[in-house]
C-alpha cells in the first residue's frame, strides 16, 4: 500500500554497476535496514510497557493517553 503520486526509485542492476558503487550502495541499504529494525524494536518495546517516564515526567501509564509527549512531522 503505497502513497498515490509517490515516485518509485529507478531500478538498478547491481551486476552492471562498478564494484565501488555497488559496495557503497549495499552498505547504505544495509545501514538503512538496520536503522529500521532498531526503530521497529524500540516501538515494539514501547507498546509492551506499562508506564513511560521521560526526564522524570510520567508521560504514559496503563491505558491512559500520552501526556506531555509530542511528535512533530515537518514536510
Protein backbone atom coordinates (compact mmCIF):
# COMPACT_ATOMS: atom_id res chain seq x y z
CA UNK A 1 0.00 0.00 0.00
CA UNK A 2 1.88 3.00 -1.26
CA UNK A 3 1.08 6.64 -1.31
CA UNK A 4 -0.54 7.84 -4.52
CA UNK A 5 1.72 10.01 -6.59
CA UNK A 6 4.84 8.81 -4.81
CA UNK A 7 7.70 8.37 -7.26
CA UNK A 8 9.37 4.99 -7.25
CA UNK A 9 13.16 4.94 -7.29
CA UNK A 10 14.82 3.94 -10.52
CA UNK A 11 15.68 0.23 -10.63
CA UNK A 12 19.38 -0.50 -10.68
CA UNK A 13 21.08 -3.63 -11.97
CA UNK A 14 23.76 -4.42 -9.39
CA UNK A 15 25.58 -6.71 -11.81
CA UNK A 16 26.18 -3.82 -14.21
CA UNK A 17 27.45 -1.40 -11.54
CA UNK A 18 31.15 -0.89 -10.90
CA UNK A 19 32.36 -2.62 -7.73
CA UNK A 20 32.98 0.53 -5.65
CA UNK A 21 29.50 1.91 -6.41
CA UNK A 22 27.86 -1.45 -5.71
CA UNK A 23 29.68 -1.81 -2.38
CA UNK A 24 28.69 1.74 -1.37
CA UNK A 25 25.04 1.15 -2.33
CA UNK A 26 24.85 -2.16 -0.47
CA UNK A 27 26.41 -0.56 2.62
CA UNK A 28 23.87 2.30 2.56
CA UNK A 29 20.95 -0.10 2.15
CA UNK A 30 22.24 -2.29 4.98
CA UNK A 31 22.57 0.75 7.30
CA UNK A 32 19.02 1.92 6.46
CA UNK A 33 17.60 -1.54 7.10
CA UNK A 34 19.46 -1.80 10.40
CA UNK A 35 18.07 1.59 11.42
CA UNK A 36 14.53 0.48 10.55
CA UNK A 37 14.97 -2.74 12.55
CA UNK A 38 16.21 -0.79 15.56
CA UNK A 39 13.30 1.64 15.29
CA UNK A 40 10.78 -1.21 15.00
CA UNK A 41 12.24 -2.90 18.09
CA UNK A 42 12.01 0.37 20.00
CA UNK A 43 8.36 0.89 19.05
CA UNK A 44 7.56 -2.72 19.93
CA UNK A 45 9.14 -2.34 23.36
CA UNK A 46 7.19 0.90 23.91
CA UNK A 47 3.96 -0.93 23.10
CA UNK A 48 4.71 -3.58 25.74
CA UNK A 49 5.45 -1.26 28.68
CA UNK A 50 3.00 -0.37 31.42
CA UNK A 51 4.35 3.13 32.10
CA UNK A 52 6.78 5.53 30.47
CA UNK A 53 8.77 8.26 32.21
CA UNK A 54 10.88 10.76 30.28
CA UNK A 55 13.18 13.15 32.16
CA UNK A 56 11.34 12.34 35.39
CA UNK A 57 7.92 13.12 33.94
CA UNK A 58 5.32 10.37 33.63
CA UNK A 59 4.05 10.55 30.04
CA UNK A 60 2.16 7.25 29.90
CA UNK A 61 0.62 4.93 32.47
CA UNK A 62 -1.67 1.99 31.84
CA UNK A 63 -4.31 2.64 29.21
CA UNK A 64 -4.27 6.44 29.61
CA UNK A 65 -3.40 8.82 26.78
CA UNK A 66 0.10 10.15 26.33
CA UNK A 67 0.73 13.33 28.34
CA UNK A 68 3.39 15.92 27.55
CA UNK A 69 4.65 13.97 24.56
CA UNK A 70 4.52 15.43 21.07
CA UNK A 71 5.86 14.08 17.77
CA UNK A 72 6.19 16.69 15.05
CA UNK A 73 6.43 15.83 11.41
CA UNK A 74 7.72 18.61 9.20
CA UNK A 75 7.43 18.35 5.45
